[in-house]
C-alpha cells in the first residue's frame, strides 16, 4: 500500500503508512522502504527521510543497489549532496544505476566538473 501511495503522488499517505507500520512493530520490506524514501523526497521531508535511513542502518540492512539508490535519490532531491555521497561510499556494490545517480546529482546541482571526474 505504501509503495502504491508513493507511486501515485499520495506522498503524505505513504509517510503515514510507514509511521503506522513502525508503531505497530511491523518489519518494513526493502520495497516499502524505497517507496518511503520516494515519498519523503517528493515532500522535501528531510527529518523523516533521515529517520528512515537511520532505521535501515540500525536494522542492519545492507546498502545494495535498490536501497542505496533510493536513499541517495532522497538525499539528492532534498539538496543534501554530501549525505548522498556518503551513502554511495558505504554501498556494498556500486553499479551503473548508482554511478548514474551520482553523475545526475552533480549535474543537477551545477557541479559539472565533479560529474566529469
PDB file of N, CA and C in Angstrom:
ATOM      1  N   UNK A   1       0.821  -1.180   0.000  1.00  0.00           N
ATOM      2  CA  UNK A   1       0.000   0.000   0.000  1.00  0.00           C
ATOM      3  C   UNK A   1       0.877   1.261   0.000  1.00  0.00           C
ATOM      4  N   UNK A   2       1.918   1.257   0.813  1.00  0.00           N
ATOM      5  CA  UNK A   2       2.815   2.399   0.911  1.00  0.00           C
ATOM      6  C   UNK A   2       3.410   2.740  -0.454  1.00  0.00           C
ATOM      7  N   UNK A   3       3.886   1.735  -1.157  1.00  0.00           N
ATOM      8  CA  UNK A   3       4.503   1.957  -2.468  1.00  0.00           C
ATOM      9  C   UNK A   3       3.482   2.495  -3.456  1.00  0.00           C
ATOM     10  N   UNK A   4       2.280   1.959  -3.427  1.00  0.00           N
ATOM     11  CA  UNK A   4       1.226   2.435  -4.321  1.00  0.00           C
ATOM     12  C   UNK A   4       0.924   3.900  -4.066  1.00  0.00           C
ATOM     13  N   UNK A   5       0.857   4.285  -2.797  1.00  0.00           N
ATOM     14  CA  UNK A   5       0.652   5.695  -2.476  1.00  0.00           C
ATOM     15  C   UNK A   5       1.779   6.550  -3.054  1.00  0.00           C
ATOM     16  N   UNK A   6       3.010   6.135  -2.831  1.00  0.00           N
ATOM     17  CA  UNK A   6       4.159   6.920  -3.313  1.00  0.00           C
ATOM     18  C   UNK A   6       4.159   7.020  -4.834  1.00  0.00           C
ATOM     19  N   UNK A   7       3.834   5.918  -5.502  1.00  0.00           N
ATOM     20  CA  UNK A   7       3.829   5.911  -6.967  1.00  0.00           C
ATOM     21  C   UNK A   7       2.723   6.779  -7.553  1.00  0.00           C
ATOM     22  N   UNK A   8       1.684   7.020  -6.777  1.00  0.00           N
ATOM     23  CA  UNK A   8       0.544   7.789  -7.273  1.00  0.00           C
ATOM     24  C   UNK A   8       0.461   9.191  -6.684  1.00  0.00           C
ATOM     25  N   UNK A   9       1.586   9.669  -6.164  1.00  0.00           N
ATOM     26  CA  UNK A   9       1.645  11.035  -5.676  1.00  0.00           C
ATOM     27  C   UNK A   9       0.965  11.281  -4.343  1.00  0.00           C
ATOM     28  N   UNK A  10       0.568  10.229  -3.679  1.00  0.00           N
ATOM     29  CA  UNK A  10      -0.067  10.372  -2.360  1.00  0.00           C
ATOM     30  C   UNK A  10       1.011  10.223  -1.284  1.00  0.00           C
ATOM     31  N   UNK A  11       1.949  11.142  -1.328  1.00  0.00           N
ATOM     32  CA  UNK A  11       3.147  11.057  -0.504  1.00  0.00           C
ATOM     33  C   UNK A  11       2.858  11.133   0.992  1.00  0.00           C
ATOM     34  N   UNK A  12       1.937  12.008   1.396  1.00  0.00           N
ATOM     35  CA  UNK A  12       1.593  12.108   2.818  1.00  0.00           C
ATOM     36  C   UNK A  12       1.038  10.784   3.329  1.00  0.00           C
ATOM     37  N   UNK A  13       0.219  10.138   2.505  1.00  0.00           N
ATOM     38  CA  UNK A  13      -0.339   8.843   2.895  1.00  0.00           C
ATOM     39  C   UNK A  13       0.758   7.790   3.008  1.00  0.00           C
ATOM     40  N   UNK A  14       1.721   7.827   2.107  1.00  0.00           N
ATOM     41  CA  UNK A  14       2.829   6.870   2.162  1.00  0.00           C
ATOM     42  C   UNK A  14       3.619   7.031   3.456  1.00  0.00           C
ATOM     43  N   UNK A  15       3.907   8.267   3.825  1.00  0.00           N
ATOM     44  CA  UNK A  15       4.643   8.521   5.069  1.00  0.00           C
ATOM     45  C   UNK A  15       3.809   8.097   6.277  1.00  0.00           C
ATOM     46  N   UNK A  16       2.514   8.373   6.236  1.00  0.00           N
ATOM     47  CA  UNK A  16       1.623   7.975   7.331  1.00  0.00           C
ATOM     48  C   UNK A  16       1.621   6.459   7.510  1.00  0.00           C
ATOM     49  N   UNK A  17       1.510   5.719   6.404  1.00  0.00           N
ATOM     50  CA  UNK A  17       1.504   4.255   6.478  1.00  0.00           C
ATOM     51  C   UNK A  17       2.829   3.744   7.048  1.00  0.00           C
ATOM     52  N   UNK A  18       3.932   4.357   6.635  1.00  0.00           N
ATOM     53  CA  UNK A  18       5.238   3.964   7.161  1.00  0.00           C
ATOM     54  C   UNK A  18       5.274   4.147   8.680  1.00  0.00           C
ATOM     55  N   UNK A  19       4.814   5.296   9.146  1.00  0.00           N
ATOM     56  CA  UNK A  19       4.785   5.565  10.598  1.00  0.00           C
ATOM     57  C   UNK A  19       3.923   4.527  11.322  1.00  0.00           C
ATOM     58  N   UNK A  20       2.761   4.239  10.752  1.00  0.00           N
ATOM     59  CA  UNK A  20       1.868   3.255  11.367  1.00  0.00           C
ATOM     60  C   UNK A  20       2.526   1.881  11.440  1.00  0.00           C
ATOM     61  N   UNK A  21       3.238   1.507  10.385  1.00  0.00           N
ATOM     62  CA  UNK A  21       3.928   0.217  10.371  1.00  0.00           C
ATOM     63  C   UNK A  21       4.960   0.146  11.490  1.00  0.00           C
ATOM     64  N   UNK A  22       5.689   1.230  11.688  1.00  0.00           N
ATOM     65  CA  UNK A  22       6.718   1.251  12.730  1.00  0.00           C
ATOM     66  C   UNK A  22       6.090   1.225  14.124  1.00  0.00           C
ATOM     67  N   UNK A  23       5.000   1.978  14.318  1.00  0.00           N
ATOM     68  CA  UNK A  23       4.315   1.997  15.619  1.00  0.00           C
ATOM     69  C   UNK A  23       3.793   0.603  15.957  1.00  0.00           C
ATOM     70  N   UNK A  24       3.302  -0.097  14.947  1.00  0.00           N
ATOM     71  CA  UNK A  24       2.758  -1.436  15.147  1.00  0.00           C
ATOM     72  C   UNK A  24       3.849  -2.501  15.254  1.00  0.00           C
ATOM     73  N   UNK A  25       5.102  -2.092  15.086  1.00  0.00           N
ATOM     74  CA  UNK A  25       6.215  -3.029  15.199  1.00  0.00           C
ATOM     75  C   UNK A  25       6.396  -3.938  14.004  1.00  0.00           C
ATOM     76  N   UNK A  26       5.811  -3.569  12.896  1.00  0.00           N
ATOM     77  CA  UNK A  26       5.941  -4.385  11.684  1.00  0.00           C
ATOM     78  C   UNK A  26       7.303  -4.187  11.036  1.00  0.00           C
ATOM     79  N   UNK A  27       7.802  -5.257  10.444  1.00  0.00           N
ATOM     80  CA  UNK A  27       9.015  -5.142   9.642  1.00  0.00           C
ATOM     81  C   UNK A  27       8.654  -4.459   8.337  1.00  0.00           C
ATOM     82  N   UNK A  28       9.555  -3.629   7.867  1.00  0.00           N
ATOM     83  CA  UNK A  28       9.330  -2.893   6.625  1.00  0.00           C
ATOM     84  C   UNK A  28      10.207  -3.511   5.549  1.00  0.00           C
ATOM     85  N   UNK A  29       9.605  -3.896   4.440  1.00  0.00           N
ATOM     86  CA  UNK A  29      10.361  -4.503   3.345  1.00  0.00           C
ATOM     87  C   UNK A  29      11.219  -3.457   2.643  1.00  0.00           C
ATOM     88  N   UNK A  30      12.191  -3.930   1.883  1.00  0.00           N
ATOM     89  CA  UNK A  30      13.032  -3.016   1.106  1.00  0.00           C
ATOM     90  C   UNK A  30      12.200  -2.234   0.100  1.00  0.00           C
ATOM     91  N   UNK A  31      11.208  -2.871  -0.469  1.00  0.00           N
ATOM     92  CA  UNK A  31      10.347  -2.196  -1.444  1.00  0.00           C
ATOM     93  C   UNK A  31       9.557  -1.081  -0.756  1.00  0.00           C
ATOM     94  N   UNK A  32       9.009  -1.367   0.414  1.00  0.00           N
ATOM     95  CA  UNK A  32       8.262  -0.343   1.153  1.00  0.00           C
ATOM     96  C   UNK A  32       9.182   0.795   1.572  1.00  0.00           C
ATOM     97  N   UNK A  33      10.379   0.463   2.005  1.00  0.00           N
ATOM     98  CA  UNK A  33      11.336   1.489   2.408  1.00  0.00           C
ATOM     99  C   UNK A  33      11.707   2.364   1.222  1.00  0.00           C
ATOM    100  N   UNK A  34      11.857   1.752   0.067  1.00  0.00           N
ATOM    101  CA  UNK A  34      12.149   2.510  -1.149  1.00  0.00           C
ATOM    102  C   UNK A  34      11.013   3.484  -1.462  1.00  0.00           C
ATOM    103  N   UNK A  35       9.774   3.023  -1.339  1.00  0.00           N
ATOM    104  CA  UNK A  35       8.622   3.899  -1.549  1.00  0.00           C
ATOM    105  C   UNK A  35       8.572   5.027  -0.539  1.00  0.00           C
ATOM    106  N   UNK A  36       8.956   4.727   0.689  1.00  0.00           N
ATOM    107  CA  UNK A  36       9.006   5.745   1.740  1.00  0.00           C
ATOM    108  C   UNK A  36      10.007   6.839   1.376  1.00  0.00           C
ATOM    109  N   UNK A  37      11.191   6.451   0.897  1.00  0.00           N
ATOM    110  CA  UNK A  37      12.192   7.455   0.519  1.00  0.00           C
ATOM    111  C   UNK A  37      11.718   8.295  -0.666  1.00  0.00           C
ATOM    112  N   UNK A  38      11.001   7.686  -1.587  1.00  0.00           N
ATOM    113  CA  UNK A  38      10.436   8.440  -2.709  1.00  0.00           C
ATOM    114  C   UNK A  38       9.450   9.480  -2.195  1.00  0.00           C
ATOM    115  N   UNK A  39       8.570   9.069  -1.295  1.00  0.00           N
ATOM    116  CA  UNK A  39       7.582   9.996  -0.732  1.00  0.00           C
ATOM    117  C   UNK A  39       8.265  11.129   0.027  1.00  0.00           C
ATOM    118  N   UNK A  40       9.265  10.800   0.827  1.00  0.00           N
ATOM    119  CA  UNK A  40       9.987  11.834   1.583  1.00  0.00           C
ATOM    120  C   UNK A  40      10.675  12.815   0.642  1.00  0.00           C
ATOM    121  N   UNK A  41      11.269  12.302  -0.425  1.00  0.00           N
ATOM    122  CA  UNK A  41      11.925  13.183  -1.400  1.00  0.00           C
ATOM    123  C   UNK A  41      10.911  14.113  -2.040  1.00  0.00           C
ATOM    124  N   UNK A  42       9.768  13.572  -2.427  1.00  0.00           N
ATOM    125  CA  UNK A  42       8.738  14.387  -3.073  1.00  0.00           C
ATOM    126  C   UNK A  42       8.172  15.455  -2.143  1.00  0.00           C
ATOM    127  N   UNK A  43       8.129  15.150  -0.850  1.00  0.00           N
ATOM    128  CA  UNK A  43       7.604  16.098   0.135  1.00  0.00           C
ATOM    129  C   UNK A  43       8.670  17.055   0.657  1.00  0.00           C
ATOM    130  N   UNK A  44       9.942  16.730   0.386  1.00  0.00           N
ATOM    131  CA  UNK A  44      11.027  17.508   0.987  1.00  0.00           C
ATOM    132  C   UNK A  44      11.110  17.249   2.485  1.00  0.00           C
ATOM    133  N   UNK A  45      10.695  16.066   2.890  1.00  0.00           N
ATOM    134  CA  UNK A  45      10.629  15.688   4.306  1.00  0.00           C
ATOM    135  C   UNK A  45      11.981  15.152   4.769  1.00  0.00           C
ATOM    136  N   UNK A  46      12.880  16.075   5.061  1.00  0.00           N
ATOM    137  CA  UNK A  46      14.256  15.713   5.405  1.00  0.00           C
ATOM    138  C   UNK A  46      14.323  14.901   6.695  1.00  0.00           C
ATOM    139  N   UNK A  47      13.656  15.354   7.739  1.00  0.00           N
ATOM    140  CA  UNK A  47      13.728  14.657   9.030  1.00  0.00           C
ATOM    141  C   UNK A  47      13.210  13.225   8.916  1.00  0.00           C
ATOM    142  N   UNK A  48      12.095  13.047   8.234  1.00  0.00           N
ATOM    143  CA  UNK A  48      11.522  11.709   8.082  1.00  0.00           C
ATOM    144  C   UNK A  48      12.438  10.810   7.263  1.00  0.00           C
ATOM    145  N   UNK A  49      12.998  11.346   6.181  1.00  0.00           N
ATOM    146  CA  UNK A  49      13.911  10.559   5.358  1.00  0.00           C
ATOM    147  C   UNK A  49      15.159  10.147   6.114  1.00  0.00           C
ATOM    148  N   UNK A  50      15.693  11.075   6.895  1.00  0.00           N
ATOM    149  CA  UNK A  50      16.868  10.735   7.714  1.00  0.00           C
ATOM    150  C   UNK A  50      16.514   9.660   8.743  1.00  0.00           C
ATOM    151  N   UNK A  51      15.312   9.758   9.295  1.00  0.00           N
ATOM    152  CA  UNK A  51      14.877   8.748  10.250  1.00  0.00           C
ATOM    153  C   UNK A  51      14.808   7.376   9.571  1.00  0.00           C
ATOM    154  N   UNK A  52      14.256   7.340   8.368  1.00  0.00           N
ATOM    155  CA  UNK A  52      14.193   6.083   7.621  1.00  0.00           C
ATOM    156  C   UNK A  52      15.575   5.527   7.335  1.00  0.00           C
ATOM    157  N   UNK A  53      16.511   6.406   6.986  1.00  0.00           N
ATOM    158  CA  UNK A  53      17.888   5.980   6.748  1.00  0.00           C
ATOM    159  C   UNK A  53      18.466   5.388   8.030  1.00  0.00           C
ATOM    160  N   UNK A  54      18.231   6.061   9.144  1.00  0.00           N
ATOM    161  CA  UNK A  54      18.707   5.549  10.427  1.00  0.00           C
ATOM    162  C   UNK A  54      18.126   4.189  10.764  1.00  0.00           C
ATOM    163  N   UNK A  55      16.847   4.007  10.497  1.00  0.00           N
ATOM    164  CA  UNK A  55      16.209   2.714  10.753  1.00  0.00           C
ATOM    165  C   UNK A  55      16.828   1.616   9.896  1.00  0.00           C
ATOM    166  N   UNK A  56      17.161   1.953   8.656  1.00  0.00           N
ATOM    167  CA  UNK A  56      17.798   0.977   7.771  1.00  0.00           C
ATOM    168  C   UNK A  56      19.166   0.578   8.317  1.00  0.00           C
ATOM    169  N   UNK A  57      19.916   1.560   8.795  1.00  0.00           N
ATOM    170  CA  UNK A  57      21.250   1.288   9.338  1.00  0.00           C
ATOM    171  C   UNK A  57      21.145   0.462  10.621  1.00  0.00           C
ATOM    172  N   UNK A  58      20.287   0.903  11.549  1.00  0.00           N
ATOM    173  CA  UNK A  58      20.113   0.196  12.823  1.00  0.00           C
ATOM    174  C   UNK A  58      19.580  -1.215  12.578  1.00  0.00           C
ATOM    175  N   UNK A  59      18.722  -1.353  11.575  1.00  0.00           N
ATOM    176  CA  UNK A  59      18.162  -2.658  11.237  1.00  0.00           C
ATOM    177  C   UNK A  59      19.145  -3.582  10.548  1.00  0.00           C
ATOM    178  N   UNK A  60      20.341  -3.084  10.263  1.00  0.00           N
ATOM    179  CA  UNK A  60      21.369  -3.913   9.643  1.00  0.00           C
ATOM    180  C   UNK A  60      21.148  -4.184   8.168  1.00  0.00           C
ATOM    181  N   UNK A  61      20.313  -3.372   7.521  1.00  0.00           N
ATOM    182  CA  UNK A  61      20.070  -3.590   6.095  1.00  0.00           C
ATOM    183  C   UNK A  61      21.294  -3.185   5.289  1.00  0.00           C
ATOM    184  N   UNK A  62      21.677  -4.033   4.350  1.00  0.00           N
ATOM    185  CA  UNK A  62      22.820  -3.719   3.503  1.00  0.00           C
ATOM    186  C   UNK A  62      22.421  -2.706   2.451  1.00  0.00           C
ATOM    187  N   UNK A  63      23.334  -1.797   2.195  1.00  0.00           N
ATOM    188  CA  UNK A  63      23.089  -0.792   1.160  1.00  0.00           C
ATOM    189  C   UNK A  63      23.379  -1.403  -0.202  1.00  0.00           C
ATOM    190  N   UNK A  64      22.427  -2.204  -0.674  1.00  0.00           N
ATOM    191  CA  UNK A  64      22.553  -2.765  -2.013  1.00  0.00           C
ATOM    192  C   UNK A  64      22.115  -1.711  -3.020  1.00  0.00           C
ATOM    193  N   UNK A  65      22.055  -2.088  -4.273  1.00  0.00           N
ATOM    194  CA  UNK A  65      21.720  -1.135  -5.327  1.00  0.00           C
ATOM    195  C   UNK A  65      20.335  -0.522  -5.131  1.00  0.00           C
ATOM    196  N   UNK A  66      19.361  -1.324  -4.753  1.00  0.00           N
ATOM    197  CA  UNK A  66      17.985  -0.833  -4.615  1.00  0.00           C
ATOM    198  C   UNK A  66      17.864   0.126  -3.434  1.00  0.00           C
ATOM    199  N   UNK A  67      18.257  -0.317  -2.258  1.00  0.00           N
ATOM    200  CA  UNK A  67      18.127   0.527  -1.068  1.00  0.00           C
ATOM    201  C   UNK A  67      19.068   1.725  -1.143  1.00  0.00           C
ATOM    202  N   UNK A  68      20.304   1.478  -1.549  1.00  0.00           N
ATOM    203  CA  UNK A  68      21.270   2.571  -1.638  1.00  0.00           C
ATOM    204  C   UNK A  68      20.848   3.653  -2.607  1.00  0.00           C
ATOM    205  N   UNK A  69      20.356   3.253  -3.773  1.00  0.00           N
ATOM    206  CA  UNK A  69      19.944   4.261  -4.753  1.00  0.00           C
ATOM    207  C   UNK A  69      18.696   5.002  -4.285  1.00  0.00           C
ATOM    208  N   UNK A  70      17.815   4.334  -3.548  1.00  0.00           N
ATOM    209  CA  UNK A  70      16.629   5.012  -3.006  1.00  0.00           C
ATOM    210  C   UNK A  70      17.027   6.088  -2.004  1.00  0.00           C
ATOM    211  N   UNK A  71      17.958   5.742  -1.127  1.00  0.00           N
ATOM    212  CA  UNK A  71      18.408   6.713  -0.126  1.00  0.00           C
ATOM    213  C   UNK A  71      19.184   7.841  -0.797  1.00  0.00           C
ATOM    214  N   UNK A  72      20.061   7.497  -1.743  1.00  0.00           N
ATOM    215  CA  UNK A  72      20.818   8.528  -2.464  1.00  0.00           C
ATOM    216  C   UNK A  72      19.886   9.475  -3.196  1.00  0.00           C
ATOM    217  N   UNK A  73      18.899   8.920  -3.876  1.00  0.00           N
ATOM    218  CA  UNK A  73      17.942   9.743  -4.614  1.00  0.00           C
ATOM    219  C   UNK A  73      17.225  10.710  -3.669  1.00  0.00           C
ATOM    220  N   UNK A  74      16.827  10.215  -2.499  1.00  0.00           N
ATOM    221  CA  UNK A  74      16.196  11.078  -1.495  1.00  0.00           C
ATOM    222  C   UNK A  74      17.119  12.239  -1.138  1.00  0.00           C
ATOM    223  N   UNK A  75      18.358  11.921  -0.779  1.00  0.00           N
ATOM    224  CA  UNK A  75      19.282  12.980  -0.359  1.00  0.00           C
ATOM    225  C   UNK A  75      19.553  13.976  -1.485  1.00  0.00           C
ATOM    226  N   UNK A  76      19.746  13.491  -2.694  1.00  0.00           N
ATOM    227  CA  UNK A  76      19.962  14.421  -3.811  1.00  0.00           C
ATOM    228  C   UNK A  76      18.744  15.321  -4.008  1.00  0.00           C
ATOM    229  N   UNK A  77      17.549  14.739  -3.977  1.00  0.00           N
ATOM    230  CA  UNK A  77      16.343  15.533  -4.238  1.00  0.00           C
ATOM    231  C   UNK A  77      16.081  16.601  -3.184  1.00  0.00           C
ATOM    232  N   UNK A  78      16.547  16.372  -1.958  1.00  0.00           N
ATOM    233  CA  UNK A  78      16.346  17.383  -0.918  1.00  0.00           C
ATOM    234  C   UNK A  78      17.573  18.279  -0.769  1.00  0.00           C
ATOM    235  N   UNK A  79      18.542  18.118  -1.683  1.00  0.00           N
ATOM    236  CA  UNK A  79      19.695  19.015  -1.720  1.00  0.00           C
ATOM    237  C   UNK A  79      20.838  18.663  -0.797  1.00  0.00           C
ATOM    238  N   UNK A  80      20.847  17.463  -0.265  1.00  0.00           N
ATOM    239  CA  UNK A  80      21.911  17.037   0.643  1.00  0.00           C
ATOM    240  C   UNK A  80      22.915  16.157  -0.105  1.00  0.00           C
ATOM    241  N   UNK A  81      23.694  16.810  -0.935  1.00  0.00           N
ATOM    242  CA  UNK A  81      24.628  16.118  -1.827  1.00  0.00           C
ATOM    243  C   UNK A  81      25.651  15.308  -1.038  1.00  0.00           C
ATOM    244  N   UNK A  82      26.238  15.902  -0.019  1.00  0.00           N
ATOM    245  CA  UNK A  82      27.274  15.199   0.752  1.00  0.00           C
ATOM    246  C   UNK A  82      26.733  13.924   1.396  1.00  0.00           C
ATOM    247  N   UNK A  83      25.521  13.989   1.918  1.00  0.00           N
ATOM    248  CA  UNK A  83      24.921  12.805   2.524  1.00  0.00           C
ATOM    249  C   UNK A  83      24.705  11.711   1.475  1.00  0.00           C
ATOM    250  N   UNK A  84      24.280  12.113   0.279  1.00  0.00           N
ATOM    251  CA  UNK A  84      24.102  11.141  -0.805  1.00  0.00           C
ATOM    252  C   UNK A  84      25.425  10.464  -1.131  1.00  0.00           C
ATOM    253  N   UNK A  85      26.493  11.238  -1.140  1.00  0.00           N
ATOM    254  CA  UNK A  85      27.809  10.681  -1.462  1.00  0.00           C
ATOM    255  C   UNK A  85      28.330   9.768  -0.356  1.00  0.00           C
ATOM    256  N   UNK A  86      27.982  10.067   0.886  1.00  0.00           N
ATOM    257  CA  UNK A  86      28.356   9.171   1.990  1.00  0.00           C
ATOM    258  C   UNK A  86      27.664   7.822   1.811  1.00  0.00           C
ATOM    259  N   UNK A  87      26.389   7.858   1.465  1.00  0.00           N
ATOM    260  CA  UNK A  87      25.654   6.613   1.210  1.00  0.00           C
ATOM    261  C   UNK A  87      26.321   5.847   0.077  1.00  0.00           C
ATOM    262  N   UNK A  88      26.653   6.539  -0.995  1.00  0.00           N
ATOM    263  CA  UNK A  88      27.322   5.906  -2.136  1.00  0.00           C
ATOM    264  C   UNK A  88      28.620   5.237  -1.679  1.00  0.00           C
ATOM    265  N   UNK A  89      29.391   5.928  -0.872  1.00  0.00           N
ATOM    266  CA  UNK A  89      30.655   5.380  -0.384  1.00  0.00           C
ATOM    267  C   UNK A  89      30.489   4.165   0.505  1.00  0.00           C
ATOM    268  N   UNK A  90      29.344   4.053   1.164  1.00  0.00           N
ATOM    269  CA  UNK A  90      29.085   2.926   2.065  1.00  0.00           C
ATOM    270  C   UNK A  90      28.366   1.762   1.396  1.00  0.00           C
ATOM    271  N   UNK A  91      28.076   1.894   0.119  1.00  0.00           N
ATOM    272  CA  UNK A  91      27.338   0.832  -0.567  1.00  0.00           C
ATOM    273  C   UNK A  91      28.201  -0.404  -0.767  1.00  0.00           C
ATOM    274  N   UNK A  92      27.559  -1.566  -0.667  1.00  0.00           N
ATOM    275  CA  UNK A  92      28.233  -2.838  -0.855  1.00  0.00           C
ATOM    276  C   UNK A  92      28.656  -2.994  -2.311  1.00  0.00           C
ATOM    277  N   UNK A  93      27.757  -2.664  -3.217  1.00  0.00           N
ATOM    278  CA  UNK A  93      28.022  -2.761  -4.654  1.00  0.00           C
ATOM    279  C   UNK A  93      27.599  -1.454  -5.301  1.00  0.00           C
ATOM    280  N   UNK A  94      28.471  -0.920  -6.126  1.00  0.00           N
ATOM    281  CA  UNK A  94      28.145   0.290  -6.892  1.00  0.00           C
ATOM    282  C   UNK A  94      27.998  -0.136  -8.350  1.00  0.00           C
ATOM    283  N   UNK A  95      26.798  -0.007  -8.865  1.00  0.00           N
ATOM    284  CA  UNK A  95      26.546  -0.432 -10.236  1.00  0.00           C
ATOM    285  C   UNK A  95      26.268   0.773 -11.129  1.00  0.00           C
ATOM    286  N   UNK A  96      25.870   0.502 -12.352  1.00  0.00           N
ATOM    287  CA  UNK A  96      25.614   1.559 -13.327  1.00  0.00           C
ATOM    288  C   UNK A  96      24.526   2.522 -12.837  1.00  0.00           C
ATOM    289  N   UNK A  97      23.508   1.989 -12.196  1.00  0.00           N
ATOM    290  CA  UNK A  97      22.411   2.828 -11.700  1.00  0.00           C
ATOM    291  C   UNK A  97      22.928   3.820 -10.664  1.00  0.00           C
ATOM    292  N   UNK A  98      23.702   3.337  -9.711  1.00  0.00           N
ATOM    293  CA  UNK A  98      24.175   4.230  -8.654  1.00  0.00           C
ATOM    294  C   UNK A  98      25.199   5.228  -9.174  1.00  0.00           C
ATOM    295  N   UNK A  99      26.068   4.807 -10.087  1.00  0.00           N
ATOM    296  CA  UNK A  99      27.018   5.754 -10.681  1.00  0.00           C
ATOM    297  C   UNK A  99      26.271   6.830 -11.466  1.00  0.00           C
ATOM    298  N   UNK A 100      25.270   6.435 -12.223  1.00  0.00           N
ATOM    299  CA  UNK A 100      24.478   7.416 -12.978  1.00  0.00           C
ATOM    300  C   UNK A 100      23.765   8.388 -12.046  1.00  0.00           C
ATOM    301  N   UNK A 101      23.313   7.897 -10.919  1.00  0.00           N
ATOM    302  CA  UNK A 101      22.653   8.755  -9.942  1.00  0.00           C
ATOM    303  C   UNK A 101      23.623   9.798  -9.390  1.00  0.00           C
ATOM    304  N   UNK A 102      24.859   9.399  -9.136  1.00  0.00           N
ATOM    305  CA  UNK A 102      25.874  10.345  -8.658  1.00  0.00           C
ATOM    306  C   UNK A 102      26.135  11.414  -9.712  1.00  0.00           C
ATOM    307  N   UNK A 103      26.330  10.992 -10.950  1.00  0.00           N
ATOM    308  CA  UNK A 103      26.588  11.957 -12.030  1.00  0.00           C
ATOM    309  C   UNK A 103      25.405  12.905 -12.179  1.00  0.00           C
ATOM    310  N   UNK A 104      24.191  12.360 -12.194  1.00  0.00           N
ATOM    311  CA  UNK A 104      22.992  13.197 -12.331  1.00  0.00           C
ATOM    312  C   UNK A 104      22.858  14.161 -11.158  1.00  0.00           C
ATOM    313  N   UNK A 105      23.175  13.699  -9.958  1.00  0.00           N
ATOM    314  CA  UNK A 105      23.115  14.566  -8.785  1.00  0.00           C
ATOM    315  C   UNK A 105      24.079  15.725  -8.891  1.00  0.00           C
ATOM    316  N   UNK A 106      25.294  15.444  -9.323  1.00  0.00           N
ATOM    317  CA  UNK A 106      26.274  16.518  -9.518  1.00  0.00           C
ATOM    318  C   UNK A 106      25.777  17.526 -10.553  1.00  0.00           C
ATOM    319  N   UNK A 107      25.293  17.026 -11.668  1.00  0.00           N
ATOM    320  CA  UNK A 107      24.828  17.914 -12.740  1.00  0.00           C
ATOM    321  C   UNK A 107      23.648  18.749 -12.251  1.00  0.00           C
ATOM    322  N   UNK A 108      22.712  18.124 -11.556  1.00  0.00           N
ATOM    323  CA  UNK A 108      21.529  18.822 -11.053  1.00  0.00           C
ATOM    324  C   UNK A 108      21.911  20.031 -10.210  1.00  0.00           C
ATOM    325  N   UNK A 109      22.988  19.889  -9.433  1.00  0.00           N
ATOM    326  CA  UNK A 109      23.410  20.974  -8.548  1.00  0.00           C
ATOM    327  C   UNK A 109      24.531  21.821  -9.138  1.00  0.00           C
ATOM    328  N   UNK A 110      24.715  21.715 -10.471  1.00  0.00           N
ATOM    329  CA  UNK A 110      25.669  22.575 -11.156  1.00  0.00           C
ATOM    330  C   UNK A 110      27.122  22.220 -10.918  1.00  0.00           C
ATOM    331  N   UNK A 111      27.385  21.023 -10.469  1.00  0.00           N
ATOM    332  CA  UNK A 111      28.751  20.577 -10.202  1.00  0.00           C
ATOM    333  C   UNK A 111      29.262  19.755 -11.381  1.00  0.00           C
ATOM    334  N   UNK A 112      29.265  20.376 -12.540  1.00  0.00           N
ATOM    335  CA  UNK A 112      29.586  19.672 -13.781  1.00  0.00           C
ATOM    336  C   UNK A 112      31.000  19.112 -13.756  1.00  0.00           C
ATOM    337  N   UNK A 113      31.949  19.868 -13.228  1.00  0.00           N
ATOM    338  CA  UNK A 113      33.331  19.386 -13.162  1.00  0.00           C
ATOM    339  C   UNK A 113      33.420  18.095 -12.348  1.00  0.00           C
ATOM    340  N   UNK A 114      32.708  18.048 -11.229  1.00  0.00           N
ATOM    341  CA  UNK A 114      32.691  16.833 -10.413  1.00  0.00           C
ATOM    342  C   UNK A 114      32.060  15.675 -11.182  1.00  0.00           C
ATOM    343  N   UNK A 115      31.016  15.969 -11.938  1.00  0.00           N
ATOM    344  CA  UNK A 115      30.342  14.932 -12.720  1.00  0.00           C
ATOM    345  C   UNK A 115      31.282  14.339 -13.758  1.00  0.00           C
ATOM    346  N   UNK A 116      32.135  15.162 -14.323  1.00  0.00           N
ATOM    347  CA  UNK A 116      33.062  14.694 -15.350  1.00  0.00           C
ATOM    348  C   UNK A 116      34.214  13.877 -14.778  1.00  0.00           C
ATOM    349  N   UNK A 117      34.502  14.059 -13.493  1.00  0.00           N
ATOM    350  CA  UNK A 117      35.562  13.273 -12.854  1.00  0.00           C
ATOM    351  C   UNK A 117      35.135  11.831 -12.787  1.00  0.00           C
TER     352      UNK A 117
END
